[in-house]
Structures are given as C-alpha cells and as structure tokens.
PDB file of N, CA and C in Angstrom:
ATOM      1  N   MET A   1     -16.596  -1.381  -2.417  1.00  0.00           N
ATOM      2  CA  MET A   1     -15.169  -1.590  -2.232  1.00  0.00           C
ATOM      3  C   MET A   1     -14.420  -0.344  -2.682  1.00  0.00           C
ATOM      4  N   MET A   2     -13.235  -0.189  -2.119  1.00  0.00           N
ATOM      5  CA  MET A   2     -12.380   0.949  -2.432  1.00  0.00           C
ATOM      6  C   MET A   2     -11.002   0.443  -2.857  1.00  0.00           C
ATOM      7  N   ILE A   3     -10.402   1.169  -3.801  1.00  0.00           N
ATOM      8  CA  ILE A   3      -9.043   0.897  -4.252  1.00  0.00           C
ATOM      9  C   ILE A   3      -8.166   2.058  -3.812  1.00  0.00           C
ATOM     10  N   GLN A   4      -7.025   1.721  -3.263  1.00  0.00           N
ATOM     11  CA  GLN A   4      -6.018   2.717  -2.908  1.00  0.00           C
ATOM     12  C   GLN A   4      -4.747   2.333  -3.654  1.00  0.00           C
ATOM     13  N   PHE A   5      -4.233   3.252  -4.472  1.00  0.00           N
ATOM     14  CA  PHE A   5      -3.023   3.003  -5.248  1.00  0.00           C
ATOM     15  C   PHE A   5      -1.962   3.987  -4.789  1.00  0.00           C
ATOM     16  N   VAL A   6      -0.888   3.455  -4.214  1.00  0.00           N
ATOM     17  CA  VAL A   6       0.197   4.265  -3.660  1.00  0.00           C
ATOM     18  C   VAL A   6       1.450   4.020  -4.488  1.00  0.00           C
ATOM     19  N   GLN A   7       2.101   5.106  -4.910  1.00  0.00           N
ATOM     20  CA  GLN A   7       3.370   5.028  -5.636  1.00  0.00           C
ATOM     21  C   GLN A   7       4.389   5.877  -4.898  1.00  0.00           C
ATOM     22  N   PHE A   8       5.626   5.384  -4.847  1.00  0.00           N
ATOM     23  CA  PHE A   8       6.662   6.151  -4.152  1.00  0.00           C
ATOM     24  C   PHE A   8       8.049   5.806  -4.675  1.00  0.00           C
ATOM     25  N   GLU A   9       8.974   6.710  -4.417  1.00  0.00           N
ATOM     26  CA  GLU A   9      10.389   6.475  -4.696  1.00  0.00           C
ATOM     27  C   GLU A   9      11.054   6.150  -3.367  1.00  0.00           C
ATOM     28  N   SER A  10      11.898   5.128  -3.370  1.00  0.00           N
ATOM     29  CA  SER A  10      12.586   4.717  -2.150  1.00  0.00           C
ATOM     30  C   SER A  10      14.090   4.889  -2.307  1.00  0.00           C
ATOM     31  N   SER A  11      14.750   5.242  -1.212  1.00  0.00           N
ATOM     32  CA  SER A  11      16.214   5.305  -1.233  1.00  0.00           C
ATOM     33  C   SER A  11      16.820   3.934  -0.909  1.00  0.00           C
ATOM     34  N   LEU A  12      15.972   2.939  -0.644  1.00  0.00           N
ATOM     35  CA  LEU A  12      16.440   1.584  -0.364  1.00  0.00           C
ATOM     36  C   LEU A  12      16.675   0.820  -1.665  1.00  0.00           C
ATOM     37  N   SER A  13      17.485  -0.222  -1.602  1.00  0.00           N
ATOM     38  CA  SER A  13      17.657  -1.112  -2.744  1.00  0.00           C
ATOM     39  C   SER A  13      16.410  -1.979  -2.894  1.00  0.00           C
ATOM     40  N   GLU A  14      16.281  -2.628  -4.034  1.00  0.00           N
ATOM     41  CA  GLU A  14      15.125  -3.504  -4.251  1.00  0.00           C
ATOM     42  C   GLU A  14      15.089  -4.613  -3.195  1.00  0.00           C
ATOM     43  N   ALA A  15      16.231  -5.175  -2.873  1.00  0.00           N
ATOM     44  CA  ALA A  15      16.290  -6.237  -1.861  1.00  0.00           C
ATOM     45  C   ALA A  15      15.834  -5.711  -0.498  1.00  0.00           C
ATOM     46  N   GLU A  16      16.215  -4.485  -0.173  1.00  0.00           N
ATOM     47  CA  GLU A  16      15.805  -3.902   1.106  1.00  0.00           C
ATOM     48  C   GLU A  16      14.306  -3.610   1.132  1.00  0.00           C
ATOM     49  N   VAL A  17      13.775  -3.119   0.021  1.00  0.00           N
ATOM     50  CA  VAL A  17      12.329  -2.861  -0.063  1.00  0.00           C
ATOM     51  C   VAL A  17      11.570  -4.167   0.124  1.00  0.00           C
ATOM     52  N   ARG A  18      12.008  -5.218  -0.532  1.00  0.00           N
ATOM     53  CA  ARG A  18      11.366  -6.528  -0.404  1.00  0.00           C
ATOM     54  C   ARG A  18      11.439  -7.037   1.039  1.00  0.00           C
ATOM     55  N   ALA A  19      12.588  -6.855   1.689  1.00  0.00           N
ATOM     56  CA  ALA A  19      12.749  -7.304   3.071  1.00  0.00           C
ATOM     57  C   ALA A  19      11.803  -6.552   4.011  1.00  0.00           C
ATOM     58  N   VAL A  20      11.681  -5.249   3.816  1.00  0.00           N
ATOM     59  CA  VAL A  20      10.756  -4.452   4.641  1.00  0.00           C
ATOM     60  C   VAL A  20       9.332  -4.935   4.429  1.00  0.00           C
ATOM     61  N   ALA A  21       8.955  -5.149   3.171  1.00  0.00           N
ATOM     62  CA  ALA A  21       7.597  -5.609   2.860  1.00  0.00           C
ATOM     63  C   ALA A  21       7.326  -6.963   3.516  1.00  0.00           C
ATOM     64  N   MET A  22       8.255  -7.880   3.417  1.00  0.00           N
ATOM     65  CA  MET A  22       8.070  -9.211   4.000  1.00  0.00           C
ATOM     66  C   MET A  22       7.960  -9.135   5.526  1.00  0.00           C
ATOM     67  N   GLU A  23       8.745  -8.270   6.129  1.00  0.00           N
ATOM     68  CA  GLU A  23       8.715  -8.101   7.591  1.00  0.00           C
ATOM     69  C   GLU A  23       7.353  -7.573   8.060  1.00  0.00           C
ATOM     70  N   ARG A  24       6.735  -6.741   7.246  1.00  0.00           N
ATOM     71  CA  ARG A  24       5.474  -6.101   7.623  1.00  0.00           C
ATOM     72  C   ARG A  24       4.225  -6.897   7.205  1.00  0.00           C
ATOM     73  N   LEU A  25       4.409  -7.996   6.462  1.00  0.00           N
ATOM     74  CA  LEU A  25       3.267  -8.795   6.006  1.00  0.00           C
ATOM     75  C   LEU A  25       2.293  -9.165   7.121  1.00  0.00           C
ATOM     76  N   PRO A  26       2.763  -9.650   8.271  1.00  0.00           N
ATOM     77  CA  PRO A  26       1.810 -10.042   9.318  1.00  0.00           C
ATOM     78  C   PRO A  26       0.896  -8.905   9.765  1.00  0.00           C
ATOM     79  N   GLU A  27       1.414  -7.684   9.795  1.00  0.00           N
ATOM     80  CA  GLU A  27       0.591  -6.546  10.215  1.00  0.00           C
ATOM     81  C   GLU A  27      -0.547  -6.293   9.221  1.00  0.00           C
ATOM     82  N   PHE A  28      -0.243  -6.427   7.929  1.00  0.00           N
ATOM     83  CA  PHE A  28      -1.274  -6.213   6.923  1.00  0.00           C
ATOM     84  C   PHE A  28      -2.244  -7.384   6.869  1.00  0.00           C
ATOM     85  N   ARG A  29      -1.732  -8.600   7.022  1.00  0.00           N
ATOM     86  CA  ARG A  29      -2.614  -9.774   7.037  1.00  0.00           C
ATOM     87  C   ARG A  29      -3.585  -9.742   8.211  1.00  0.00           C
ATOM     88  N   ALA A  30      -3.231  -9.033   9.260  1.00  0.00           N
ATOM     89  CA  ALA A  30      -4.076  -8.953  10.460  1.00  0.00           C
ATOM     90  C   ALA A  30      -5.242  -7.975  10.302  1.00  0.00           C
ATOM     91  N   ILE A  31      -5.294  -7.246   9.199  1.00  0.00           N
ATOM     92  CA  ILE A  31      -6.379  -6.282   8.970  1.00  0.00           C
ATOM     93  C   ILE A  31      -7.515  -7.015   8.256  1.00  0.00           C
ATOM     94  N   PRO A  32      -8.587  -7.344   8.941  1.00  0.00           N
ATOM     95  CA  PRO A  32      -9.650  -8.141   8.319  1.00  0.00           C
ATOM     96  C   PRO A  32     -10.395  -7.421   7.194  1.00  0.00           C
ATOM     97  N   THR A  33     -10.375  -6.112   7.188  1.00  0.00           N
ATOM     98  CA  THR A  33     -11.106  -5.345   6.177  1.00  0.00           C
ATOM     99  C   THR A  33     -10.276  -5.058   4.922  1.00  0.00           C
ATOM    100  N   LEU A  34      -9.013  -5.464   4.933  1.00  0.00           N
ATOM    101  CA  LEU A  34      -8.159  -5.348   3.752  1.00  0.00           C
ATOM    102  C   LEU A  34      -8.374  -6.607   2.920  1.00  0.00           C
ATOM    103  N   VAL A  35      -9.090  -6.472   1.830  1.00  0.00           N
ATOM    104  CA  VAL A  35      -9.447  -7.615   0.993  1.00  0.00           C
ATOM    105  C   VAL A  35      -8.208  -8.196   0.324  1.00  0.00           C
ATOM    106  N   GLN A  36      -7.334  -7.316  -0.187  1.00  0.00           N
ATOM    107  CA  GLN A  36      -6.118  -7.753  -0.862  1.00  0.00           C
ATOM    108  C   GLN A  36      -5.147  -6.589  -0.937  1.00  0.00           C
ATOM    109  N   LYS A  37      -3.859  -6.917  -0.992  1.00  0.00           N
ATOM    110  CA  LYS A  37      -2.821  -5.913  -1.225  1.00  0.00           C
ATOM    111  C   LYS A  37      -1.829  -6.515  -2.200  1.00  0.00           C
ATOM    112  N   TYR A  38      -1.497  -5.740  -3.239  1.00  0.00           N
ATOM    113  CA  TYR A  38      -0.481  -6.142  -4.197  1.00  0.00           C
ATOM    114  C   TYR A  38       0.726  -5.229  -4.009  1.00  0.00           C
ATOM    115  N   TYR A  39       1.893  -5.829  -3.895  1.00  0.00           N
ATOM    116  CA  TYR A  39       3.143  -5.096  -3.775  1.00  0.00           C
ATOM    117  C   TYR A  39       3.708  -4.950  -5.182  1.00  0.00           C
ATOM    118  N   LEU A  40       4.048  -3.724  -5.578  1.00  0.00           N
ATOM    119  CA  LEU A  40       4.409  -3.450  -6.964  1.00  0.00           C
ATOM    120  C   LEU A  40       5.816  -2.888  -7.110  1.00  0.00           C
ATOM    121  N   LYS A  41       6.499  -3.344  -8.144  1.00  0.00           N
ATOM    122  CA  LYS A  41       7.752  -2.731  -8.593  1.00  0.00           C
ATOM    123  C   LYS A  41       7.379  -2.009  -9.877  1.00  0.00           C
ATOM    124  N   LEU A  42       7.497  -0.697  -9.861  1.00  0.00           N
ATOM    125  CA  LEU A  42       7.077   0.103 -11.008  1.00  0.00           C
ATOM    126  C   LEU A  42       8.188   0.159 -12.057  1.00  0.00           C
ATOM    127  N   GLY A  43       7.883   0.693 -13.224  1.00  0.00           N
ATOM    128  CA  GLY A  43       8.807   0.655 -14.355  1.00  0.00           C
ATOM    129  C   GLY A  43       9.947   1.642 -14.313  1.00  0.00           C
ATOM    130  N   THR A  44      10.004   2.479 -13.300  1.00  0.00           N
ATOM    131  CA  THR A  44      11.068   3.470 -13.151  1.00  0.00           C
ATOM    132  C   THR A  44      11.984   3.032 -12.005  1.00  0.00           C
ATOM    133  N   PRO A  45      13.300   3.203 -12.143  1.00  0.00           N
ATOM    134  CA  PRO A  45      14.201   2.775 -11.067  1.00  0.00           C
ATOM    135  C   PRO A  45      13.818   3.377  -9.707  1.00  0.00           C
ATOM    136  N   ASN A  46      13.900   2.551  -8.675  1.00  0.00           N
ATOM    137  CA  ASN A  46      13.637   2.927  -7.284  1.00  0.00           C
ATOM    138  C   ASN A  46      12.189   3.326  -7.022  1.00  0.00           C
ATOM    139  N   ARG A  47      11.271   2.958  -7.928  1.00  0.00           N
ATOM    140  CA  ARG A  47       9.851   3.282  -7.759  1.00  0.00           C
ATOM    141  C   ARG A  47       9.079   2.006  -7.446  1.00  0.00           C
ATOM    142  N   TYR A  48       8.277   2.094  -6.398  1.00  0.00           N
ATOM    143  CA  TYR A  48       7.499   0.956  -5.917  1.00  0.00           C
ATOM    144  C   TYR A  48       6.088   1.431  -5.605  1.00  0.00           C
ATOM    145  N   GLY A  49       5.227   0.479  -5.326  1.00  0.00           N
ATOM    146  CA  GLY A  49       3.872   0.873  -5.002  1.00  0.00           C
ATOM    147  C   GLY A  49       3.101  -0.235  -4.322  1.00  0.00           C
ATOM    148  N   GLY A  50       1.908   0.131  -3.930  1.00  0.00           N
ATOM    149  CA  GLY A  50       0.988  -0.823  -3.337  1.00  0.00           C
ATOM    150  C   GLY A  50      -0.406  -0.572  -3.876  1.00  0.00           C
ATOM    151  N   LEU A  51      -1.094  -1.639  -4.207  1.00  0.00           N
ATOM    152  CA  LEU A  51      -2.479  -1.560  -4.639  1.00  0.00           C
ATOM    153  C   LEU A  51      -3.299  -2.280  -3.572  1.00  0.00           C
ATOM    154  N   TYR A  52      -4.111  -1.524  -2.865  1.00  0.00           N
ATOM    155  CA  TYR A  52      -4.898  -2.043  -1.753  1.00  0.00           C
ATOM    156  C   TYR A  52      -6.361  -2.112  -2.175  1.00  0.00           C
ATOM    157  N   ILE A  53      -7.033  -3.169  -1.769  1.00  0.00           N
ATOM    158  CA  ILE A  53      -8.470  -3.291  -1.998  1.00  0.00           C
ATOM    159  C   ILE A  53      -9.130  -3.385  -0.628  1.00  0.00           C
ATOM    160  N   TRP A  54      -9.972  -2.399  -0.340  1.00  0.00           N
ATOM    161  CA  TRP A  54     -10.646  -2.296   0.957  1.00  0.00           C
ATOM    162  C   TRP A  54     -12.119  -2.640   0.817  1.00  0.00           C
ATOM    163  N   ASP A  55     -12.706  -3.169   1.871  1.00  0.00           N
ATOM    164  CA  ASP A  55     -14.108  -3.570   1.800  1.00  0.00           C
ATOM    165  C   ASP A  55     -15.082  -2.399   1.878  1.00  0.00           C
ATOM    166  N   SER A  56     -14.624  -1.234   2.363  1.00  0.00           N
ATOM    167  CA  SER A  56     -15.530  -0.084   2.501  1.00  0.00           C
ATOM    168  C   SER A  56     -14.729   1.203   2.632  1.00  0.00           C
ATOM    169  N   PRO A  57     -15.366   2.343   2.385  1.00  0.00           N
ATOM    170  CA  PRO A  57     -14.694   3.630   2.609  1.00  0.00           C
ATOM    171  C   PRO A  57     -14.272   3.808   4.064  1.00  0.00           C
ATOM    172  N   GLU A  58     -15.076   3.300   4.982  1.00  0.00           N
ATOM    173  CA  GLU A  58     -14.750   3.439   6.413  1.00  0.00           C
ATOM    174  C   GLU A  58     -13.479   2.659   6.769  1.00  0.00           C
ATOM    175  N   SER A  59     -13.318   1.485   6.184  1.00  0.00           N
ATOM    176  CA  SER A  59     -12.112   0.680   6.437  1.00  0.00           C
ATOM    177  C   SER A  59     -10.870   1.390   5.919  1.00  0.00           C
ATOM    178  N   LEU A  60     -10.986   1.959   4.732  1.00  0.00           N
ATOM    179  CA  LEU A  60      -9.870   2.714   4.150  1.00  0.00           C
ATOM    180  C   LEU A  60      -9.525   3.909   5.035  1.00  0.00           C
ATOM    181  N   ALA A  61     -10.532   4.643   5.482  1.00  0.00           N
ATOM    182  CA  ALA A  61     -10.298   5.811   6.339  1.00  0.00           C
ATOM    183  C   ALA A  61      -9.646   5.406   7.656  1.00  0.00           C
ATOM    184  N   ALA A  62     -10.095   4.310   8.235  1.00  0.00           N
ATOM    185  CA  ALA A  62      -9.506   3.841   9.497  1.00  0.00           C
ATOM    186  C   ALA A  62      -8.038   3.467   9.296  1.00  0.00           C
ATOM    187  N   TYR A  63      -7.732   2.803   8.194  1.00  0.00           N
ATOM    188  CA  TYR A  63      -6.346   2.452   7.900  1.00  0.00           C
ATOM    189  C   TYR A  63      -5.497   3.699   7.715  1.00  0.00           C
ATOM    190  N   ARG A  64      -5.982   4.642   6.940  1.00  0.00           N
ATOM    191  CA  ARG A  64      -5.197   5.860   6.676  1.00  0.00           C
ATOM    192  C   ARG A  64      -4.874   6.635   7.945  1.00  0.00           C
ATOM    193  N   ALA A  65      -5.718   6.502   8.969  1.00  0.00           N
ATOM    194  CA  ALA A  65      -5.479   7.173  10.250  1.00  0.00           C
ATOM    195  C   ALA A  65      -4.610   6.344  11.191  1.00  0.00           C
ATOM    196  N   SER A  66      -4.267   5.123  10.796  1.00  0.00           N
ATOM    197  CA  SER A  66      -3.547   4.202  11.682  1.00  0.00           C
ATOM    198  C   SER A  66      -2.043   4.483  11.736  1.00  0.00           C
ATOM    199  N   ASP A  67      -1.427   3.988  12.797  1.00  0.00           N
ATOM    200  CA  ASP A  67       0.030   4.085  12.926  1.00  0.00           C
ATOM    201  C   ASP A  67       0.730   3.288  11.825  1.00  0.00           C
ATOM    202  N   LEU A  68       0.138   2.167  11.421  1.00  0.00           N
ATOM    203  CA  LEU A  68       0.740   1.361  10.360  1.00  0.00           C
ATOM    204  C   LEU A  68       0.857   2.171   9.071  1.00  0.00           C
ATOM    205  N   ALA A  69      -0.200   2.840   8.681  1.00  0.00           N
ATOM    206  CA  ALA A  69      -0.162   3.661   7.467  1.00  0.00           C
ATOM    207  C   ALA A  69       0.841   4.807   7.616  1.00  0.00           C
ATOM    208  N   LYS A  70       0.842   5.417   8.769  1.00  0.00           N
ATOM    209  CA  LYS A  70       1.745   6.556   8.992  1.00  0.00           C
ATOM    210  C   LYS A  70       3.209   6.137   9.016  1.00  0.00           C
ATOM    211  N   SER A  71       3.492   4.849   9.244  1.00  0.00           N
ATOM    212  CA  SER A  71       4.875   4.374   9.319  1.00  0.00           C
ATOM    213  C   SER A  71       5.475   4.044   7.958  1.00  0.00           C
ATOM    214  N   ILE A  72       4.668   4.023   6.908  1.00  0.00           N
ATOM    215  CA  ILE A  72       5.168   3.622   5.595  1.00  0.00           C
ATOM    216  C   ILE A  72       6.308   4.515   5.087  1.00  0.00           C
ATOM    217  N   PRO A  73       6.197   5.845   5.130  1.00  0.00           N
ATOM    218  CA  PRO A  73       7.307   6.661   4.613  1.00  0.00           C
ATOM    219  C   PRO A  73       8.655   6.376   5.279  1.00  0.00           C
ATOM    220  N   SER A  74       8.665   6.203   6.580  1.00  0.00           N
ATOM    221  CA  SER A  74       9.946   5.934   7.250  1.00  0.00           C
ATOM    222  C   SER A  74      10.407   4.497   7.022  1.00  0.00           C
ATOM    223  N   ALA A  75       9.477   3.549   6.994  1.00  0.00           N
ATOM    224  CA  ALA A  75       9.857   2.145   6.804  1.00  0.00           C
ATOM    225  C   ALA A  75      10.520   1.924   5.450  1.00  0.00           C
ATOM    226  N   TYR A  76       9.990   2.581   4.423  1.00  0.00           N
ATOM    227  CA  TYR A  76      10.509   2.388   3.065  1.00  0.00           C
ATOM    228  C   TYR A  76      11.465   3.496   2.630  1.00  0.00           C
ATOM    229  N   LYS A  77      11.807   4.391   3.558  1.00  0.00           N
ATOM    230  CA  LYS A  77      12.731   5.495   3.243  1.00  0.00           C
ATOM    231  C   LYS A  77      12.286   6.206   1.969  1.00  0.00           C
ATOM    232  N   ILE A  78      11.033   6.666   1.991  1.00  0.00           N
ATOM    233  CA  ILE A  78      10.437   7.315   0.830  1.00  0.00           C
ATOM    234  C   ILE A  78      11.071   8.679   0.593  1.00  0.00           C
ATOM    235  N   VAL A  79      11.405   8.932  -0.669  1.00  0.00           N
ATOM    236  CA  VAL A  79      11.967  10.203  -1.107  1.00  0.00           C
ATOM    237  C   VAL A  79      10.798  11.073  -1.573  1.00  0.00           C
ATOM    238  N   GLY A  80      10.620  12.232  -0.954  1.00  0.00           N
ATOM    239  CA  GLY A  80       9.516  13.106  -1.325  1.00  0.00           C
ATOM    240  C   GLY A  80       8.202  12.572  -0.801  1.00  0.00           C
ATOM    241  N   ALA A  81       7.133  13.058  -1.380  1.00  0.00           N
ATOM    242  CA  ALA A  81       5.797  12.637  -0.950  1.00  0.00           C
ATOM    243  C   ALA A  81       5.300  11.508  -1.847  1.00  0.00           C
ATOM    244  N   PRO A  82       4.647  10.512  -1.272  1.00  0.00           N
ATOM    245  CA  PRO A  82       4.083   9.460  -2.115  1.00  0.00           C
ATOM    246  C   PRO A  82       2.885   9.996  -2.903  1.00  0.00           C
ATOM    247  N   ASP A  83       2.616   9.360  -4.018  1.00  0.00           N
ATOM    248  CA  ASP A  83       1.438   9.691  -4.829  1.00  0.00           C
ATOM    249  C   ASP A  83       0.355   8.681  -4.450  1.00  0.00           C
ATOM    250  N   VAL A  84      -0.772   9.172  -3.948  1.00  0.00           N
ATOM    251  CA  VAL A  84      -1.846   8.298  -3.477  1.00  0.00           C
ATOM    252  C   VAL A  84      -3.127   8.603  -4.240  1.00  0.00           C
ATOM    253  N   GLY A  85      -3.664   7.577  -4.861  1.00  0.00           N
ATOM    254  CA  GLY A  85      -4.949   7.698  -5.540  1.00  0.00           C
ATOM    255  C   GLY A  85      -5.966   6.809  -4.847  1.00  0.00           C
ATOM    256  N   ILE A  86      -7.171   7.325  -4.674  1.00  0.00           N
ATOM    257  CA  ILE A  86      -8.241   6.570  -4.029  1.00  0.00           C
ATOM    258  C   ILE A  86      -9.427   6.551  -4.975  1.00  0.00           C
ATOM    259  N   HIS A  87      -9.963   5.337  -5.194  1.00  0.00           N
ATOM    260  CA  HIS A  87     -11.019   5.158  -6.179  1.00  0.00           C
ATOM    261  C   HIS A  87     -12.075   4.197  -5.647  1.00  0.00           C
ATOM    262  N   GLU A  88     -13.313   4.467  -5.992  1.00  0.00           N
ATOM    263  CA  GLU A  88     -14.405   3.572  -5.624  1.00  0.00           C
ATOM    264  C   GLU A  88     -14.595   2.538  -6.737  1.00  0.00           C
ATOM    265  N   VAL A  89     -14.762   1.283  -6.368  1.00  0.00           N
ATOM    266  CA  VAL A  89     -14.998   0.221  -7.336  1.00  0.00           C
ATOM    267  C   VAL A  89     -16.451   0.301  -7.808  1.00  0.00           C
ATOM    268  N   MET A  90     -16.640   0.365  -9.115  1.00  0.00           N
ATOM    269  CA  MET A  90     -18.006   0.364  -9.665  1.00  0.00           C
ATOM    270  C   MET A  90     -18.593  -1.044  -9.604  1.00  0.00           C
ATOM    271  N   PHE A  91     -17.824  -2.026 -10.125  1.00  0.00           N
ATOM    272  CA  PHE A  91     -18.219  -3.429 -10.049  1.00  0.00           C
ATOM    273  C   PHE A  91     -17.025  -4.283 -10.463  1.00  0.00           C
ATOM    274  N   PRO A  92     -16.935  -5.510  -9.972  1.00  0.00           N
ATOM    275  CA  PRO A  92     -15.828  -6.384 -10.342  1.00  0.00           C
ATOM    276  C   PRO A  92     -16.140  -7.181 -11.619  1.00  0.00           C
ATOM    277  N   LEU A  93     -15.115  -7.612 -12.297  1.00  0.00           N
ATOM    278  CA  LEU A  93     -15.269  -8.492 -13.446  1.00  0.00           C
ATOM    279  C   LEU A  93     -15.815  -9.848 -12.999  1.00  0.00           C
ATOM    280  N   ARG A  94     -15.249 -10.365 -11.910  1.00  0.00           N
ATOM    281  CA  ARG A  94     -15.675 -11.658 -11.366  1.00  0.00           C
ATOM    282  C   ARG A  94     -16.156 -11.483  -9.942  1.00  0.00           C
ATOM    283  N   ASP A  95     -17.114 -12.272  -9.565  1.00  0.00           N
ATOM    284  CA  ASP A  95     -17.608 -12.228  -8.182  1.00  0.00           C
ATOM    285  C   ASP A  95     -16.811 -13.150  -7.308  1.00  0.00           C
TER     286      ASP A  95
END
C-alpha cells in the first residue's frame, strides 16, 4: 500500500473548500484502487490537505497522471504549489 499526503493553501473559504470536496466525492469514490481518502483541515488558516491510501504504487501513479488529480489546484484555488509526500506502508496496525 502507498500513502499520499497532500497539503495546500486555498484562497477559498472553509465552506467553499468543503463544498468543492463534497461535489467531487463521487469521482473519488469511483476509483476502486483508492482504499481510503481523508479530507483534512490543517492547523494553519486556509491550509487543507488530503491523506490518500492506495492499494499499490501503480494505482498511485495512474491517479497522479489522471485529469482528476491535475484538476485539484484549480478546483481548490490553491495558492502556490502543494506539498506532496509519498510513502510506502511498511505494515498496518490492524488488518
């Protein structure tokens, strides 16, 4: 499994960020290889993030090349470049 942690600053209000996320839920739910996604409000004003859990490196790579992934900066009106960390899961606490 792979973890992708994305952090960004948005020029949208919190309500607008939430509305965009809710509107896009069906697109993310339709990705069978996305095990889970957590939508995050970070501790700094106007900072948000996403924690994605992918079933394989190939699934993560396919997503990163997709139009859906490429649309995130414009959808959330991201200020600057997002910070993206990618990590391989060693093992889970629970099966």
